[in-house]
Amino acid sequence: MKVKIKENAKSVYINYMIISCYSNYSDSYAKKMERLSGKTLEVDIGCLFKNSFNIIDPENPDKIIHLSEYLVKEVIDDIRYLKMKCNYCGMDQDKDIICSRCKKTNFLENIK
């Protein structure tokens, strides 16, 4: 699974922080978005989310960068529709009616 980051990701990030009045603006994150703008990057599928992605940093494959969906232009080979997340323990798993980790029912929700 991959994501293509918007060409103007840095300005989108800055504008989103201004419009939404977030006080956690990060200049280093804005610089990362400038560096990653327009690139297609691998998603860490070990932990999936509905509206964000953990991407593998191309300059340091041991590091993960959390990326909000509003910065993404395209999702390639999206596998989230095949997965569910347990809202009790946080486990990602294939679709089922019971969580394979905590064995709870009624807590599984489609990721996509």
PDB file of N, CA and C in Angstrom:
ATOM      1  N   MET A   1       0.857  -1.168   0.000  1.00  0.00           N
ATOM      2  CA  MET A   1       0.000   0.000   0.000  1.00  0.00           C
ATOM      3  C   MET A   1       0.905   1.232   0.000  1.00  0.00           C
ATOM      4  N   LYS A   2       0.543   2.203  -0.811  1.00  0.00           N
ATOM      5  CA  LYS A   2       1.325   3.428  -0.930  1.00  0.00           C
ATOM      6  C   LYS A   2       0.402   4.643  -0.936  1.00  0.00           C
ATOM      7  N   VAL A   3       0.985   5.789  -0.642  1.00  0.00           N
ATOM      8  CA  VAL A   3       0.259   7.055  -0.748  1.00  0.00           C
ATOM      9  C   VAL A   3       1.098   8.031  -1.557  1.00  0.00           C
ATOM     10  N   LYS A   4       0.404   8.828  -2.371  1.00  0.00           N
ATOM     11  CA  LYS A   4       1.065   9.917  -3.090  1.00  0.00           C
ATOM     12  C   LYS A   4       0.715  11.203  -2.346  1.00  0.00           C
ATOM     13  N   ILE A   5       1.753  11.889  -1.917  1.00  0.00           N
ATOM     14  CA  ILE A   5       1.573  13.116  -1.140  1.00  0.00           C
ATOM     15  C   ILE A   5       1.333  14.286  -2.084  1.00  0.00           C
ATOM     16  N   LYS A   6       0.452  15.195  -1.673  1.00  0.00           N
ATOM     17  CA  LYS A   6       0.135  16.359  -2.499  1.00  0.00           C
ATOM     18  C   LYS A   6       1.397  17.167  -2.807  1.00  0.00           C
ATOM     19  N   GLU A   7       1.400  17.753  -3.997  1.00  0.00           N
ATOM     20  CA  GLU A   7       2.540  18.574  -4.436  1.00  0.00           C
ATOM     21  C   GLU A   7       2.768  19.775  -3.512  1.00  0.00           C
ATOM     22  N   ASN A   8       1.704  20.293  -2.945  1.00  0.00           N
ATOM     23  CA  ASN A   8       1.777  21.485  -2.093  1.00  0.00           C
ATOM     24  C   ASN A   8       1.533  21.131  -0.624  1.00  0.00           C
ATOM     25  N   ALA A   9       2.015  19.977  -0.188  1.00  0.00           N
ATOM     26  CA  ALA A   9       1.735  19.472   1.159  1.00  0.00           C
ATOM     27  C   ALA A   9       2.144  20.446   2.257  1.00  0.00           C
ATOM     28  N   LYS A  10       3.253  21.130   2.080  1.00  0.00           N
ATOM     29  CA  LYS A  10       3.699  22.071   3.116  1.00  0.00           C
ATOM     30  C   LYS A  10       2.690  23.200   3.292  1.00  0.00           C
ATOM     31  N   SER A  11       2.259  23.820   2.210  1.00  0.00           N
ATOM     32  CA  SER A  11       1.307  24.931   2.330  1.00  0.00           C
ATOM     33  C   SER A  11      -0.063  24.430   2.803  1.00  0.00           C
ATOM     34  N   VAL A  12      -0.450  23.237   2.390  1.00  0.00           N
ATOM     35  CA  VAL A  12      -1.717  22.658   2.862  1.00  0.00           C
ATOM     36  C   VAL A  12      -1.653  22.458   4.377  1.00  0.00           C
ATOM     37  N   TYR A  13      -0.530  21.917   4.847  1.00  0.00           N
ATOM     38  CA  TYR A  13      -0.336  21.712   6.287  1.00  0.00           C
ATOM     39  C   TYR A  13      -0.412  23.039   7.046  1.00  0.00           C
ATOM     40  N   ILE A  14       0.320  24.046   6.580  1.00  0.00           N
ATOM     41  CA  ILE A  14       0.340  25.348   7.256  1.00  0.00           C
ATOM     42  C   ILE A  14      -1.059  25.966   7.271  1.00  0.00           C
ATOM     43  N   ASN A  15      -1.744  25.950   6.126  1.00  0.00           N
ATOM     44  CA  ASN A  15      -3.097  26.520   6.050  1.00  0.00           C
ATOM     45  C   ASN A  15      -4.062  25.773   6.962  1.00  0.00           C
ATOM     46  N   TYR A  16      -3.943  24.452   7.021  1.00  0.00           N
ATOM     47  CA  TYR A  16      -4.818  23.658   7.891  1.00  0.00           C
ATOM     48  C   TYR A  16      -4.597  24.040   9.356  1.00  0.00           C
ATOM     49  N   MET A  17      -3.344  24.228   9.739  1.00  0.00           N
ATOM     50  CA  MET A  17      -3.042  24.612  11.122  1.00  0.00           C
ATOM     51  C   MET A  17      -3.619  25.994  11.437  1.00  0.00           C
ATOM     52  N   ILE A  18      -3.554  26.923  10.483  1.00  0.00           N
ATOM     53  CA  ILE A  18      -4.080  28.277  10.694  1.00  0.00           C
ATOM     54  C   ILE A  18      -5.605  28.252  10.784  1.00  0.00           C
ATOM     55  N   ILE A  19      -6.240  27.607   9.814  1.00  0.00           N
ATOM     56  CA  ILE A  19      -7.709  27.580   9.753  1.00  0.00           C
ATOM     57  C   ILE A  19      -8.308  26.861  10.954  1.00  0.00           C
ATOM     58  N   SER A  20      -7.698  25.758  11.357  1.00  0.00           N
ATOM     59  CA  SER A  20      -8.269  24.969  12.448  1.00  0.00           C
ATOM     60  C   SER A  20      -7.813  25.449  13.826  1.00  0.00           C
ATOM     61  N   CYS A  21      -6.983  26.489  13.864  1.00  0.00           N
ATOM     62  CA  CYS A  21      -6.504  27.086  15.115  1.00  0.00           C
ATOM     63  C   CYS A  21      -5.765  26.092  16.009  1.00  0.00           C
ATOM     64  N   TYR A  22      -5.086  25.134  15.397  1.00  0.00           N
ATOM     65  CA  TYR A  22      -4.281  24.191  16.189  1.00  0.00           C
ATOM     66  C   TYR A  22      -3.059  24.910  16.738  1.00  0.00           C
ATOM     67  N   SER A  23      -2.752  24.635  17.972  1.00  0.00           N
ATOM     68  CA  SER A  23      -1.587  25.264  18.588  1.00  0.00           C
ATOM     69  C   SER A  23      -0.357  24.360  18.524  1.00  0.00           C
ATOM     70  N   ASN A  24      -0.497  23.197  17.884  1.00  0.00           N
ATOM     71  CA  ASN A  24       0.641  22.278  17.830  1.00  0.00           C
ATOM     72  C   ASN A  24       1.345  22.305  16.475  1.00  0.00           C
ATOM     73  N   TYR A  25       1.413  23.479  15.863  1.00  0.00           N
ATOM     74  CA  TYR A  25       2.148  23.633  14.610  1.00  0.00           C
ATOM     75  C   TYR A  25       3.611  23.270  14.830  1.00  0.00           C
ATOM     76  N   SER A  26       4.192  22.556  13.877  1.00  0.00           N
ATOM     77  CA  SER A  26       5.585  22.157  13.985  1.00  0.00           C
ATOM     78  C   SER A  26       6.335  22.588  12.731  1.00  0.00           C
ATOM     79  N   ASP A  27       7.341  23.428  12.912  1.00  0.00           N
ATOM     80  CA  ASP A  27       8.152  23.871  11.787  1.00  0.00           C
ATOM     81  C   ASP A  27       8.918  22.694  11.186  1.00  0.00           C
ATOM     82  N   SER A  28       9.373  21.772  12.016  1.00  0.00           N
ATOM     83  CA  SER A  28      10.110  20.606  11.506  1.00  0.00           C
ATOM     84  C   SER A  28       9.183  19.704  10.678  1.00  0.00           C
ATOM     85  N   TYR A  29       7.911  19.603  11.087  1.00  0.00           N
ATOM     86  CA  TYR A  29       6.956  18.807  10.306  1.00  0.00           C
ATOM     87  C   TYR A  29       6.672  19.486   8.966  1.00  0.00           C
ATOM     88  N   ALA A  30       6.559  20.810   8.968  1.00  0.00           N
ATOM     89  CA  ALA A  30       6.350  21.556   7.723  1.00  0.00           C
ATOM     90  C   ALA A  30       7.525  21.327   6.768  1.00  0.00           C
ATOM     91  N   LYS A  31       8.738  21.292   7.308  1.00  0.00           N
ATOM     92  CA  LYS A  31       9.919  21.025   6.475  1.00  0.00           C
ATOM     93  C   LYS A  31       9.896  19.595   5.927  1.00  0.00           C
ATOM     94  N   LYS A  32       9.405  18.640   6.733  1.00  0.00           N
ATOM     95  CA  LYS A  32       9.256  17.260   6.238  1.00  0.00           C
ATOM     96  C   LYS A  32       8.270  17.225   5.081  1.00  0.00           C
ATOM     97  N   MET A  33       7.175  17.968   5.206  1.00  0.00           N
ATOM     98  CA  MET A  33       6.169  17.976   4.148  1.00  0.00           C
ATOM     99  C   MET A  33       6.731  18.599   2.878  1.00  0.00           C
ATOM    100  N   GLU A  34       7.578  19.602   3.026  1.00  0.00           N
ATOM    101  CA  GLU A  34       8.233  20.203   1.870  1.00  0.00           C
ATOM    102  C   GLU A  34       9.137  19.176   1.176  1.00  0.00           C
ATOM    103  N   ARG A  35       9.857  18.407   1.969  1.00  0.00           N
ATOM    104  CA  ARG A  35      10.768  17.381   1.444  1.00  0.00           C
ATOM    105  C   ARG A  35      10.017  16.232   0.776  1.00  0.00           C
ATOM    106  N   LEU A  36       8.837  15.895   1.295  1.00  0.00           N
ATOM    107  CA  LEU A  36       8.088  14.734   0.798  1.00  0.00           C
ATOM    108  C   LEU A  36       7.035  15.084  -0.253  1.00  0.00           C
ATOM    109  N   SER A  37       6.800  16.356  -0.491  1.00  0.00           N
ATOM    110  CA  SER A  37       5.770  16.793  -1.449  1.00  0.00           C
ATOM    111  C   SER A  37       5.926  16.118  -2.800  1.00  0.00           C
ATOM    112  N   GLY A  38       4.797  15.582  -3.299  1.00  0.00           N
ATOM    113  CA  GLY A  38       4.768  14.970  -4.622  1.00  0.00           C
ATOM    114  C   GLY A  38       5.306  13.554  -4.689  1.00  0.00           C
ATOM    115  N   LYS A  39       5.841  13.048  -3.606  1.00  0.00           N
ATOM    116  CA  LYS A  39       6.430  11.705  -3.625  1.00  0.00           C
ATOM    117  C   LYS A  39       5.384  10.631  -3.339  1.00  0.00           C
ATOM    118  N   THR A  40       5.648   9.447  -3.859  1.00  0.00           N
ATOM    119  CA  THR A  40       4.834   8.270  -3.565  1.00  0.00           C
ATOM    120  C   THR A  40       5.622   7.435  -2.579  1.00  0.00           C
ATOM    121  N   LEU A  41       5.005   7.170  -1.415  1.00  0.00           N
ATOM    122  CA  LEU A  41       5.717   6.516  -0.323  1.00  0.00           C
ATOM    123  C   LEU A  41       4.972   5.295   0.195  1.00  0.00           C
ATOM    124  N   GLU A  42       5.743   4.371   0.745  1.00  0.00           N
ATOM    125  CA  GLU A  42       5.226   3.132   1.307  1.00  0.00           C
ATOM    126  C   GLU A  42       4.547   3.403   2.650  1.00  0.00           C
ATOM    127  N   VAL A  43       3.392   2.745   2.867  1.00  0.00           N
ATOM    128  CA  VAL A  43       2.663   2.856   4.131  1.00  0.00           C
ATOM    129  C   VAL A  43       3.035   1.669   5.014  1.00  0.00           C
ATOM    130  N   ASP A  44       3.244   1.938   6.293  1.00  0.00           N
ATOM    131  CA  ASP A  44       3.453   0.865   7.264  1.00  0.00           C
ATOM    132  C   ASP A  44       2.079   0.259   7.552  1.00  0.00           C
ATOM    133  N   ILE A  45       1.820  -0.928   7.043  1.00  0.00           N
ATOM    134  CA  ILE A  45       0.490  -1.536   7.181  1.00  0.00           C
ATOM    135  C   ILE A  45       0.326  -2.280   8.506  1.00  0.00           C
ATOM    136  N   GLY A  46       1.321  -2.194   9.368  1.00  0.00           N
ATOM    137  CA  GLY A  46       1.222  -2.823  10.684  1.00  0.00           C
ATOM    138  C   GLY A  46       0.225  -2.133  11.590  1.00  0.00           C
ATOM    139  N   CYS A  47      -0.065  -0.883  11.304  1.00  0.00           N
ATOM    140  CA  CYS A  47      -1.029  -0.116  12.099  1.00  0.00           C
ATOM    141  C   CYS A  47      -1.779   0.811  11.147  1.00  0.00           C
ATOM    142  N   LEU A  48      -3.021   0.483  10.870  1.00  0.00           N
ATOM    143  CA  LEU A  48      -3.817   1.230   9.890  1.00  0.00           C
ATOM    144  C   LEU A  48      -4.844   2.113  10.587  1.00  0.00           C
ATOM    145  N   PHE A  49      -5.180   3.211   9.944  1.00  0.00           N
ATOM    146  CA  PHE A  49      -6.147   4.169  10.471  1.00  0.00           C
ATOM    147  C   PHE A  49      -7.151   4.539   9.378  1.00  0.00           C
ATOM    148  N   LYS A  50      -8.316   5.071   9.776  1.00  0.00           N
ATOM    149  CA  LYS A  50      -9.331   5.500   8.809  1.00  0.00           C
ATOM    150  C   LYS A  50      -8.886   6.718   8.016  1.00  0.00           C
ATOM    151  N   ASN A  51      -8.296   7.699   8.685  1.00  0.00           N
ATOM    152  CA  ASN A  51      -8.046   8.980   8.029  1.00  0.00           C
ATOM    153  C   ASN A  51      -6.611   9.480   8.170  1.00  0.00           C
ATOM    154  N   SER A  52      -5.686   8.563   8.365  1.00  0.00           N
ATOM    155  CA  SER A  52      -4.270   8.943   8.420  1.00  0.00           C
ATOM    156  C   SER A  52      -3.424   7.711   8.125  1.00  0.00           C
ATOM    157  N   PHE A  53      -2.131   7.944   7.959  1.00  0.00           N
ATOM    158  CA  PHE A  53      -1.221   6.874   7.564  1.00  0.00           C
ATOM    159  C   PHE A  53       0.094   7.012   8.312  1.00  0.00           C
ATOM    160  N   ASN A  54       0.711   5.895   8.618  1.00  0.00           N
ATOM    161  CA  ASN A  54       2.095   5.873   9.064  1.00  0.00           C
ATOM    162  C   ASN A  54       2.916   5.525   7.837  1.00  0.00           C
ATOM    163  N   ILE A  55       3.743   6.475   7.407  1.00  0.00           N
ATOM    164  CA  ILE A  55       4.559   6.219   6.217  1.00  0.00           C
ATOM    165  C   ILE A  55       6.013   6.012   6.630  1.00  0.00           C
ATOM    166  N   ILE A  56       6.701   5.238   5.832  1.00  0.00           N
ATOM    167  CA  ILE A  56       8.102   4.951   6.083  1.00  0.00           C
ATOM    168  C   ILE A  56       8.927   6.076   5.476  1.00  0.00           C
ATOM    169  N   ASP A  57       9.750   6.706   6.311  1.00  0.00           N
ATOM    170  CA  ASP A  57      10.584   7.824   5.862  1.00  0.00           C
ATOM    171  C   ASP A  57      11.597   7.301   4.843  1.00  0.00           C
ATOM    172  N   PRO A  58      11.569   7.824   3.601  1.00  0.00           N
ATOM    173  CA  PRO A  58      12.486   7.326   2.573  1.00  0.00           C
ATOM    174  C   PRO A  58      13.960   7.593   2.882  1.00  0.00           C
ATOM    175  N   GLU A  59      14.245   8.608   3.691  1.00  0.00           N
ATOM    176  CA  GLU A  59      15.633   8.923   4.031  1.00  0.00           C
ATOM    177  C   GLU A  59      16.122   8.155   5.253  1.00  0.00           C
ATOM    178  N   ASN A  60      15.188   7.643   6.030  1.00  0.00           N
ATOM    179  CA  ASN A  60      15.537   6.860   7.217  1.00  0.00           C
ATOM    180  C   ASN A  60      14.474   5.786   7.408  1.00  0.00           C
ATOM    181  N   PRO A  61      14.613   4.616   6.765  1.00  0.00           N
ATOM    182  CA  PRO A  61      13.586   3.574   6.791  1.00  0.00           C
ATOM    183  C   PRO A  61      13.230   3.047   8.176  1.00  0.00           C
ATOM    184  N   ASP A  62      14.032   3.369   9.184  1.00  0.00           N
ATOM    185  CA  ASP A  62      13.703   2.949  10.549  1.00  0.00           C
ATOM    186  C   ASP A  62      12.717   3.906  11.215  1.00  0.00           C
ATOM    187  N   LYS A  63      12.454   5.043  10.570  1.00  0.00           N
ATOM    188  CA  LYS A  63      11.554   6.048  11.147  1.00  0.00           C
ATOM    189  C   LYS A  63      10.207   6.046  10.432  1.00  0.00           C
ATOM    190  N   ILE A  64       9.184   6.333  11.207  1.00  0.00           N
ATOM    191  CA  ILE A  64       7.812   6.428  10.696  1.00  0.00           C
ATOM    192  C   ILE A  64       7.359   7.884  10.817  1.00  0.00           C
ATOM    193  N   ILE A  65       6.665   8.369   9.803  1.00  0.00           N
ATOM    194  CA  ILE A  65       6.075   9.711   9.821  1.00  0.00           C
ATOM    195  C   ILE A  65       4.570   9.542   9.756  1.00  0.00           C
ATOM    196  N   HIS A  66       3.868  10.133  10.733  1.00  0.00           N
ATOM    197  CA  HIS A  66       2.406  10.068  10.733  1.00  0.00           C
ATOM    198  C   HIS A  66       1.881  11.161   9.797  1.00  0.00           C
ATOM    199  N   LEU A  67       1.008  10.769   8.880  1.00  0.00           N
ATOM    200  CA  LEU A  67       0.543  11.660   7.822  1.00  0.00           C
ATOM    201  C   LEU A  67      -0.975  11.686   7.792  1.00  0.00           C
ATOM    202  N   SER A  68      -1.571  12.856   7.945  1.00  0.00           N
ATOM    203  CA  SER A  68      -3.023  12.986   7.880  1.00  0.00           C
ATOM    204  C   SER A  68      -3.508  12.871   6.441  1.00  0.00           C
ATOM    205  N   GLU A  69      -4.721  12.375   6.287  1.00  0.00           N
ATOM    206  CA  GLU A  69      -5.276  12.123   4.962  1.00  0.00           C
ATOM    207  C   GLU A  69      -5.415  13.395   4.118  1.00  0.00           C
ATOM    208  N   TYR A  70      -5.572  14.550   4.748  1.00  0.00           N
ATOM    209  CA  TYR A  70      -5.735  15.794   3.979  1.00  0.00           C
ATOM    210  C   TYR A  70      -4.456  16.170   3.222  1.00  0.00           C
ATOM    211  N   LEU A  71      -3.331  15.525   3.548  1.00  0.00           N
ATOM    212  CA  LEU A  71      -2.075  15.778   2.849  1.00  0.00           C
ATOM    213  C   LEU A  71      -1.831  14.793   1.707  1.00  0.00           C
ATOM    214  N   VAL A  72      -2.740  13.849   1.532  1.00  0.00           N
ATOM    215  CA  VAL A  72      -2.577  12.774   0.559  1.00  0.00           C
ATOM    216  C   VAL A  72      -3.404  13.051  -0.688  1.00  0.00           C
ATOM    217  N   LYS A  73      -2.768  12.923  -1.831  1.00  0.00           N
ATOM    218  CA  LYS A  73      -3.453  13.097  -3.115  1.00  0.00           C
ATOM    219  C   LYS A  73      -4.123  11.804  -3.560  1.00  0.00           C
ATOM    220  N   GLU A  74      -3.454  10.666  -3.318  1.00  0.00           N
ATOM    221  CA  GLU A  74      -3.951   9.381  -3.817  1.00  0.00           C
ATOM    222  C   GLU A  74      -3.468   8.247  -2.915  1.00  0.00           C
ATOM    223  N   VAL A  75      -4.339   7.251  -2.704  1.00  0.00           N
ATOM    224  CA  VAL A  75      -3.972   6.024  -1.997  1.00  0.00           C
ATOM    225  C   VAL A  75      -3.893   4.919  -3.041  1.00  0.00           C
ATOM    226  N   ILE A  76      -2.773   4.230  -3.080  1.00  0.00           N
ATOM    227  CA  ILE A  76      -2.535   3.183  -4.083  1.00  0.00           C
ATOM    228  C   ILE A  76      -2.596   1.821  -3.404  1.00  0.00           C
ATOM    229  N   ASP A  77      -3.372   0.908  -4.005  1.00  0.00           N
ATOM    230  CA  ASP A  77      -3.541  -0.451  -3.466  1.00  0.00           C
ATOM    231  C   ASP A  77      -4.008  -0.419  -2.011  1.00  0.00           C
ATOM    232  N   ASP A  78      -5.070   0.336  -1.762  1.00  0.00           N
ATOM    233  CA  ASP A  78      -5.624   0.498  -0.414  1.00  0.00           C
ATOM    234  C   ASP A  78      -6.133  -0.846   0.113  1.00  0.00           C
ATOM    235  N   ILE A  79      -5.600  -1.300   1.232  1.00  0.00           N
ATOM    236  CA  ILE A  79      -6.050  -2.564   1.821  1.00  0.00           C
ATOM    237  C   ILE A  79      -6.935  -2.343   3.046  1.00  0.00           C
ATOM    238  N   ARG A  80      -7.213  -1.096   3.402  1.00  0.00           N
ATOM    239  CA  ARG A  80      -7.987  -0.821   4.613  1.00  0.00           C
ATOM    240  C   ARG A  80      -9.387  -1.408   4.567  1.00  0.00           C
ATOM    241  N   TYR A  81      -9.975  -1.536   3.374  1.00  0.00           N
ATOM    242  CA  TYR A  81     -11.332  -2.081   3.292  1.00  0.00           C
ATOM    243  C   TYR A  81     -11.370  -3.562   3.653  1.00  0.00           C
ATOM    244  N   LEU A  82     -10.228  -4.225   3.693  1.00  0.00           N
ATOM    245  CA  LEU A  82     -10.146  -5.636   4.072  1.00  0.00           C
ATOM    246  C   LEU A  82      -9.933  -5.825   5.575  1.00  0.00           C
ATOM    247  N   LYS A  83      -9.722  -4.736   6.298  1.00  0.00           N
ATOM    248  CA  LYS A  83      -9.325  -4.817   7.701  1.00  0.00           C
ATOM    249  C   LYS A  83     -10.353  -4.181   8.627  1.00  0.00           C
ATOM    250  N   MET A  84     -10.282  -4.588   9.893  1.00  0.00           N
ATOM    251  CA  MET A  84     -11.093  -4.007  10.953  1.00  0.00           C
ATOM    252  C   MET A  84     -10.173  -3.639  12.107  1.00  0.00           C
ATOM    253  N   LYS A  85     -10.618  -2.683  12.907  1.00  0.00           N
ATOM    254  CA  LYS A  85      -9.875  -2.281  14.104  1.00  0.00           C
ATOM    255  C   LYS A  85     -10.788  -2.490  15.302  1.00  0.00           C
ATOM    256  N   CYS A  86     -10.217  -3.053  16.363  1.00  0.00           N
ATOM    257  CA  CYS A  86     -10.967  -3.226  17.607  1.00  0.00           C
ATOM    258  C   CYS A  86     -10.896  -1.912  18.385  1.00  0.00           C
ATOM    259  N   ASN A  87     -12.047  -1.339  18.676  1.00  0.00           N
ATOM    260  CA  ASN A  87     -12.084  -0.083  19.420  1.00  0.00           C
ATOM    261  C   ASN A  87     -11.901  -0.295  20.917  1.00  0.00           C
ATOM    262  N   TYR A  88     -11.741  -1.541  21.336  1.00  0.00           N
ATOM    263  CA  TYR A  88     -11.469  -1.839  22.738  1.00  0.00           C
ATOM    264  C   TYR A  88      -9.957  -1.929  22.987  1.00  0.00           C
ATOM    265  N   CYS A  89      -9.245  -2.746  22.168  1.00  0.00           N
ATOM    266  CA  CYS A  89      -7.817  -2.955  22.411  1.00  0.00           C
ATOM    267  C   CYS A  89      -6.915  -2.375  21.313  1.00  0.00           C
ATOM    268  N   GLY A  90      -7.500  -1.912  20.188  1.00  0.00           N
ATOM    269  CA  GLY A  90      -6.723  -1.276  19.135  1.00  0.00           C
ATOM    270  C   GLY A  90      -6.132  -2.213  18.100  1.00  0.00           C
ATOM    271  N   MET A  91      -6.426  -3.493  18.176  1.00  0.00           N
ATOM    272  CA  MET A  91      -5.864  -4.493  17.260  1.00  0.00           C
ATOM    273  C   MET A  91      -6.426  -4.318  15.848  1.00  0.00           C
ATOM    274  N   ASP A  92      -5.526  -4.331  14.835  1.00  0.00           N
ATOM    275  CA  ASP A  92      -5.926  -4.394  13.428  1.00  0.00           C
ATOM    276  C   ASP A  92      -5.992  -5.865  13.056  1.00  0.00           C
ATOM    277  N   GLN A  93      -7.025  -6.244  12.316  1.00  0.00           N
ATOM    278  CA  GLN A  93      -7.148  -7.646  11.931  1.00  0.00           C
ATOM    279  C   GLN A  93      -8.001  -7.770  10.694  1.00  0.00           C
ATOM    280  N   ASP A  94      -7.981  -8.978  10.119  1.00  0.00           N
ATOM    281  CA  ASP A  94      -8.864  -9.274   9.008  1.00  0.00           C
ATOM    282  C   ASP A  94     -10.301  -9.215   9.507  1.00  0.00           C
ATOM    283  N   LYS A  95     -11.242  -9.034   8.579  1.00  0.00           N
ATOM    284  CA  LYS A  95     -12.638  -8.917   8.975  1.00  0.00           C
ATOM    285  C   LYS A  95     -13.110 -10.166   9.701  1.00  0.00           C
ATOM    286  N   ASP A  96     -13.819  -9.975  10.793  1.00  0.00           N
ATOM    287  CA  ASP A  96     -14.324 -11.050  11.623  1.00  0.00           C
ATOM    288  C   ASP A  96     -15.399 -10.470  12.538  1.00  0.00           C
ATOM    289  N   ILE A  97     -15.991 -11.293  13.394  1.00  0.00           N
ATOM    290  CA  ILE A  97     -17.008 -10.796  14.317  1.00  0.00           C
ATOM    291  C   ILE A  97     -16.496 -10.724  15.755  1.00  0.00           C
ATOM    292  N   ILE A  98     -15.291 -11.244  15.983  1.00  0.00           N
ATOM    293  CA  ILE A  98     -14.696 -11.224  17.312  1.00  0.00           C
ATOM    294  C   ILE A  98     -13.222 -10.821  17.196  1.00  0.00           C
ATOM    295  N   CYS A  99     -12.756 -10.027  18.143  1.00  0.00           N
ATOM    296  CA  CYS A  99     -11.361  -9.578  18.122  1.00  0.00           C
ATOM    297  C   CYS A  99     -10.442 -10.755  18.444  1.00  0.00           C
ATOM    298  N   SER A 100      -9.412 -10.921  17.644  1.00  0.00           N
ATOM    299  CA  SER A 100      -8.493 -12.038  17.848  1.00  0.00           C
ATOM    300  C   SER A 100      -7.570 -11.820  19.053  1.00  0.00           C
ATOM    301  N   ARG A 101      -7.430 -10.573  19.525  1.00  0.00           N
ATOM    302  CA  ARG A 101      -6.570 -10.314  20.685  1.00  0.00           C
ATOM    303  C   ARG A 101      -7.361 -10.353  21.991  1.00  0.00           C
ATOM    304  N   CYS A 102      -8.372  -9.505  22.119  1.00  0.00           N
ATOM    305  CA  CYS A 102      -9.080  -9.389  23.401  1.00  0.00           C
ATOM    306  C   CYS A 102     -10.362 -10.221  23.465  1.00  0.00           C
ATOM    307  N   LYS A 103     -10.738 -10.805  22.330  1.00  0.00           N
ATOM    308  CA  LYS A 103     -11.914 -11.688  22.236  1.00  0.00           C
ATOM    309  C   LYS A 103     -13.238 -10.966  22.492  1.00  0.00           C
ATOM    310  N   LYS A 104     -13.229  -9.635  22.375  1.00  0.00           N
ATOM    311  CA  LYS A 104     -14.453  -8.850  22.565  1.00  0.00           C
ATOM    312  C   LYS A 104     -15.267  -8.839  21.272  1.00  0.00           C
ATOM    313  N   THR A 105     -16.555  -8.760  21.421  1.00  0.00           N
ATOM    314  CA  THR A 105     -17.444  -8.557  20.281  1.00  0.00           C
ATOM    315  C   THR A 105     -18.008  -7.142  20.408  1.00  0.00           C
ATOM    316  N   ASN A 106     -18.648  -6.672  19.397  1.00  0.00           N
ATOM    317  CA  ASN A 106     -19.271  -5.337  19.375  1.00  0.00           C
ATOM    318  C   ASN A 106     -18.276  -4.180  19.405  1.00  0.00           C
ATOM    319  N   PHE A 107     -16.989  -4.442  19.295  1.00  0.00           N
ATOM    320  CA  PHE A 107     -15.999  -3.368  19.281  1.00  0.00           C
ATOM    321  C   PHE A 107     -15.288  -3.256  17.943  1.00  0.00           C
ATOM    322  N   LEU A 108     -15.518  -4.210  17.043  1.00  0.00           N
ATOM    323  CA  LEU A 108     -14.842  -4.185  15.749  1.00  0.00           C
ATOM    324  C   LEU A 108     -15.522  -3.193  14.815  1.00  0.00           C
ATOM    325  N   GLU A 109     -14.707  -2.430  14.107  1.00  0.00           N
ATOM    326  CA  GLU A 109     -15.214  -1.414  13.190  1.00  0.00           C
ATOM    327  C   GLU A 109     -14.375  -1.458  11.912  1.00  0.00           C
ATOM    328  N   ASN A 110     -15.019  -1.287  10.783  1.00  0.00           N
ATOM    329  CA  ASN A 110     -14.288  -1.248   9.510  1.00  0.00           C
ATOM    330  C   ASN A 110     -13.309  -0.078   9.533  1.00  0.00           C
ATOM    331  N   ILE A 111     -12.106  -0.322   9.023  1.00  0.00           N
ATOM    332  CA  ILE A 111     -11.118   0.755   8.941  1.00  0.00           C
ATOM    333  C   ILE A 111     -11.463   1.695   7.792  1.00  0.00           C
ATOM    334  N   LYS A 112     -11.961   1.167   6.710  1.00  0.00           N
ATOM    335  CA  LYS A 112     -12.303   2.006   5.553  1.00  0.00           C
ATOM    336  C   LYS A 112     -13.742   1.783   5.188  1.00  0.00           C
TER     337      LYS A 112
END
